[in-house]
Amino acid sequence: MKKEKVITINEKEVTIKKIPVGKFAELMLAVKKLPSLLMANLTVDELENVNAQVMLTKFPTLMADAQDEIFKLTSVASGITKKEIEQLDFEEFFQVVEAILEVNNIKAIIEQVKNLGKVLQKQAQ
């Protein structure tokens, strides 16, 4: 798995790196409100199966409700300032998000956390 990915934003090369464990607290503070905002706007099925209809009908409301938290999270995860992120167009913004997800293998991390939760539940019984 790659440790970093170089993308071009506003005609400037930006390196998106793996998020170190030491940034975990900062990352968690950035996403504190995000889960409740996501669940208020999207169903689990819509989150797992994002399509054009979801993007057109649900994404505008989600962005309006959670914009600040999304920008904070993206800033912490990418190393790009929140002010710079606010100036990106949609294509550039999603390029940054895609690079963050790719470099950090978020899907695998989510699965590992789920597995850890199952192990901890068994230990508690």
C-alpha atoms as a PDB file:
ATOM      1  CA  MET A   1       0.000   0.000   0.000  1.00  0.00           C
ATOM      2  CA  LYS A   2       1.256   3.453  -0.920  1.00  0.00           C
ATOM      3  CA  LYS A   3       2.301   5.751   1.919  1.00  0.00           C
ATOM      4  CA  GLU A   4       1.471   8.884  -0.067  1.00  0.00           C
ATOM      5  CA  LYS A   5      -0.143  10.154  -3.250  1.00  0.00           C
ATOM      6  CA  VAL A   6       0.650  13.332  -5.160  1.00  0.00           C
ATOM      7  CA  ILE A   7      -2.328  15.164  -6.645  1.00  0.00           C
ATOM      8  CA  THR A   8      -2.633  18.513  -8.418  1.00  0.00           C
ATOM      9  CA  ILE A   9      -4.893  21.108  -6.826  1.00  0.00           C
ATOM     10  CA  ASN A  10      -5.147  24.661  -8.173  1.00  0.00           C
ATOM     11  CA  GLU A  11      -2.184  23.928 -10.457  1.00  0.00           C
ATOM     12  CA  LYS A  12      -0.100  23.046  -7.373  1.00  0.00           C
ATOM     13  CA  GLU A  13       1.158  19.590  -6.446  1.00  0.00           C
ATOM     14  CA  VAL A  14      -0.048  18.400  -3.042  1.00  0.00           C
ATOM     15  CA  THR A  15       1.143  15.236  -1.305  1.00  0.00           C
ATOM     16  CA  ILE A  16      -1.519  13.342   0.623  1.00  0.00           C
ATOM     17  CA  LYS A  17       0.162  11.097   3.216  1.00  0.00           C
ATOM     18  CA  LYS A  18      -1.011   8.282   5.463  1.00  0.00           C
ATOM     19  CA  ILE A  19      -2.525   9.647   8.662  1.00  0.00           C
ATOM     20  CA  PRO A  20      -0.208   8.833  11.581  1.00  0.00           C
ATOM     21  CA  VAL A  21      -1.668   7.327  14.748  1.00  0.00           C
ATOM     22  CA  GLY A  22      -0.431  10.429  16.593  1.00  0.00           C
ATOM     23  CA  LYS A  23      -3.074  12.494  14.756  1.00  0.00           C
ATOM     24  CA  PHE A  24      -5.897  10.254  15.999  1.00  0.00           C
ATOM     25  CA  ALA A  25      -7.121  12.662  18.701  1.00  0.00           C
ATOM     26  CA  GLU A  26      -7.111  15.605  16.293  1.00  0.00           C
ATOM     27  CA  LEU A  27      -8.972  13.502  13.728  1.00  0.00           C
ATOM     28  CA  MET A  28     -11.586  12.405  16.268  1.00  0.00           C
ATOM     29  CA  LEU A  29     -12.179  15.999  17.366  1.00  0.00           C
ATOM     30  CA  ALA A  30     -12.682  16.945  13.715  1.00  0.00           C
ATOM     31  CA  VAL A  31     -15.347  14.265  13.231  1.00  0.00           C
ATOM     32  CA  LYS A  32     -17.106  14.574  16.587  1.00  0.00           C
ATOM     33  CA  LYS A  33     -20.445  15.703  15.104  1.00  0.00           C
ATOM     34  CA  LEU A  34     -20.100  14.054  11.698  1.00  0.00           C
ATOM     35  CA  PRO A  35     -21.612  10.604  12.411  1.00  0.00           C
ATOM     36  CA  SER A  36     -24.882  12.068  13.709  1.00  0.00           C
ATOM     37  CA  LEU A  37     -25.066  14.473  10.768  1.00  0.00           C
ATOM     38  CA  LEU A  38     -24.428  11.640   8.305  1.00  0.00           C
ATOM     39  CA  MET A  39     -27.092   9.427   9.838  1.00  0.00           C
ATOM     40  CA  ALA A  40     -29.575  12.312   9.905  1.00  0.00           C
ATOM     41  CA  ASN A  41     -29.181  12.748   6.145  1.00  0.00           C
ATOM     42  CA  LEU A  42     -28.342   9.275   4.769  1.00  0.00           C
ATOM     43  CA  THR A  43     -29.427   5.713   5.406  1.00  0.00           C
ATOM     44  CA  VAL A  44     -26.803   2.989   5.853  1.00  0.00           C
ATOM     45  CA  ASP A  45     -27.810   1.568   2.468  1.00  0.00           C
ATOM     46  CA  GLU A  46     -27.330   4.965   0.794  1.00  0.00           C
ATOM     47  CA  LEU A  47     -23.913   5.339   2.418  1.00  0.00           C
ATOM     48  CA  GLU A  48     -22.793   1.898   1.273  1.00  0.00           C
ATOM     49  CA  ASN A  49     -24.214   2.287  -2.242  1.00  0.00           C
ATOM     50  CA  VAL A  50     -23.656   5.913  -3.202  1.00  0.00           C
ATOM     51  CA  ASN A  51     -25.044   6.555  -6.670  1.00  0.00           C
ATOM     52  CA  ALA A  52     -26.005   9.535  -8.816  1.00  0.00           C
ATOM     53  CA  GLN A  53     -29.467   9.793  -7.253  1.00  0.00           C
ATOM     54  CA  VAL A  54     -28.042   9.899  -3.720  1.00  0.00           C
ATOM     55  CA  MET A  55     -25.439  12.448  -4.805  1.00  0.00           C
ATOM     56  CA  LEU A  56     -28.082  14.705  -6.348  1.00  0.00           C
ATOM     57  CA  THR A  57     -30.792  14.352  -3.707  1.00  0.00           C
ATOM     58  CA  LYS A  58     -28.963  13.855  -0.415  1.00  0.00           C
ATOM     59  CA  PHE A  59     -25.481  15.300  -0.834  1.00  0.00           C
ATOM     60  CA  PRO A  60     -26.534  18.988  -1.023  1.00  0.00           C
ATOM     61  CA  THR A  61     -28.358  18.756   2.330  1.00  0.00           C
ATOM     62  CA  LEU A  62     -25.501  16.823   3.914  1.00  0.00           C
ATOM     63  CA  MET A  63     -22.979  19.409   2.723  1.00  0.00           C
ATOM     64  CA  ALA A  64     -25.119  22.239   4.045  1.00  0.00           C
ATOM     65  CA  ASP A  65     -25.557  20.573   7.449  1.00  0.00           C
ATOM     66  CA  ALA A  66     -22.042  19.147   7.858  1.00  0.00           C
ATOM     67  CA  GLN A  67     -19.853  21.407   5.731  1.00  0.00           C
ATOM     68  CA  ASP A  68     -17.689  22.740   8.550  1.00  0.00           C
ATOM     69  CA  GLU A  69     -17.059  19.269  10.035  1.00  0.00           C
ATOM     70  CA  ILE A  70     -16.318  17.790   6.603  1.00  0.00           C
ATOM     71  CA  PHE A  71     -13.827  20.557   5.855  1.00  0.00           C
ATOM     72  CA  LYS A  72     -12.127  20.154   9.273  1.00  0.00           C
ATOM     73  CA  LEU A  73     -11.845  16.396   8.792  1.00  0.00           C
ATOM     74  CA  THR A  74     -10.522  16.780   5.252  1.00  0.00           C
ATOM     75  CA  SER A  75      -8.005  19.354   6.441  1.00  0.00           C
ATOM     76  CA  VAL A  76      -6.644  17.173   9.252  1.00  0.00           C
ATOM     77  CA  ALA A  77      -6.538  14.090   7.030  1.00  0.00           C
ATOM     78  CA  SER A  78      -4.911  15.816   4.047  1.00  0.00           C
ATOM     79  CA  GLY A  79      -2.660  18.433   5.604  1.00  0.00           C
ATOM     80  CA  ILE A  80      -4.325  21.090   3.426  1.00  0.00           C
ATOM     81  CA  THR A  81      -5.600  24.081   5.381  1.00  0.00           C
ATOM     82  CA  LYS A  82      -9.346  24.392   5.919  1.00  0.00           C
ATOM     83  CA  LYS A  83      -9.238  27.771   4.188  1.00  0.00           C
ATOM     84  CA  GLU A  84      -7.658  26.194   1.080  1.00  0.00           C
ATOM     85  CA  ILE A  85     -10.202  23.354   1.108  1.00  0.00           C
ATOM     86  CA  GLU A  86     -13.059  25.875   1.201  1.00  0.00           C
ATOM     87  CA  GLN A  87     -11.723  27.338  -2.061  1.00  0.00           C
ATOM     88  CA  LEU A  88     -11.623  24.039  -3.989  1.00  0.00           C
ATOM     89  CA  ASP A  89     -14.183  23.221  -6.643  1.00  0.00           C
ATOM     90  CA  PHE A  90     -16.149  19.964  -6.328  1.00  0.00           C
ATOM     91  CA  GLU A  91     -13.833  18.012  -8.619  1.00  0.00           C
ATOM     92  CA  GLU A  92     -10.750  19.077  -6.672  1.00  0.00           C
ATOM     93  CA  PHE A  93     -12.438  18.443  -3.322  1.00  0.00           C
ATOM     94  CA  PHE A  94     -13.378  14.894  -4.295  1.00  0.00           C
ATOM     95  CA  GLN A  95      -9.883  14.344  -5.678  1.00  0.00           C
ATOM     96  CA  VAL A  96      -8.532  15.149  -2.197  1.00  0.00           C
ATOM     97  CA  VAL A  97     -11.094  12.910  -0.457  1.00  0.00           C
ATOM     98  CA  GLU A  98     -10.382  10.055  -2.872  1.00  0.00           C
ATOM     99  CA  ALA A  99      -6.627  10.364  -2.242  1.00  0.00           C
ATOM    100  CA  ILE A 100      -7.179  10.329   1.549  1.00  0.00           C
ATOM    101  CA  LEU A 101      -9.326   7.197   1.303  1.00  0.00           C
ATOM    102  CA  GLU A 102      -6.895   5.475  -1.066  1.00  0.00           C
ATOM    103  CA  VAL A 103      -3.672   6.206   0.818  1.00  0.00           C
ATOM    104  CA  ASN A 104      -5.148   5.322   4.201  1.00  0.00           C
ATOM    105  CA  ASN A 105      -7.067   2.250   3.004  1.00  0.00           C
ATOM    106  CA  ILE A 106     -10.078   3.408   5.020  1.00  0.00           C
ATOM    107  CA  LYS A 107     -12.236   0.419   4.065  1.00  0.00           C
ATOM    108  CA  ALA A 108      -9.683  -2.012   5.560  1.00  0.00           C
ATOM    109  CA  ILE A 109      -9.354   0.107   8.707  1.00  0.00           C
ATOM    110  CA  ILE A 110     -13.134   0.102   9.200  1.00  0.00           C
ATOM    111  CA  GLU A 111     -13.177  -3.703   8.895  1.00  0.00           C
ATOM    112  CA  GLN A 112     -10.313  -4.008  11.390  1.00  0.00           C
ATOM    113  CA  VAL A 113     -12.129  -1.769  13.878  1.00  0.00           C
ATOM    114  CA  LYS A 114     -15.298  -3.860  13.475  1.00  0.00           C
ATOM    115  CA  ASN A 115     -13.291  -7.045  14.118  1.00  0.00           C
ATOM    116  CA  LEU A 116     -11.630  -5.479  17.156  1.00  0.00           C
ATOM    117  CA  GLY A 117     -15.073  -4.555  18.485  1.00  0.00           C
ATOM    118  CA  LYS A 118     -16.208  -8.180  18.153  1.00  0.00           C
ATOM    119  CA  VAL A 119     -13.101  -9.405  19.992  1.00  0.00           C
ATOM    120  CA  LEU A 120     -13.628  -6.905  22.798  1.00  0.00           C
ATOM    121  CA  GLN A 121     -17.295  -7.912  23.121  1.00  0.00           C
ATOM    122  CA  LYS A 122     -16.301 -11.571  23.496  1.00  0.00           C
ATOM    123  CA  GLN A 123     -13.726 -10.640  26.130  1.00  0.00           C
ATOM    124  CA  ALA A 124     -16.335  -8.681  28.096  1.00  0.00           C
ATOM    125  CA  GLN A 125     -18.727 -11.642  28.298  1.00  0.00           C
END
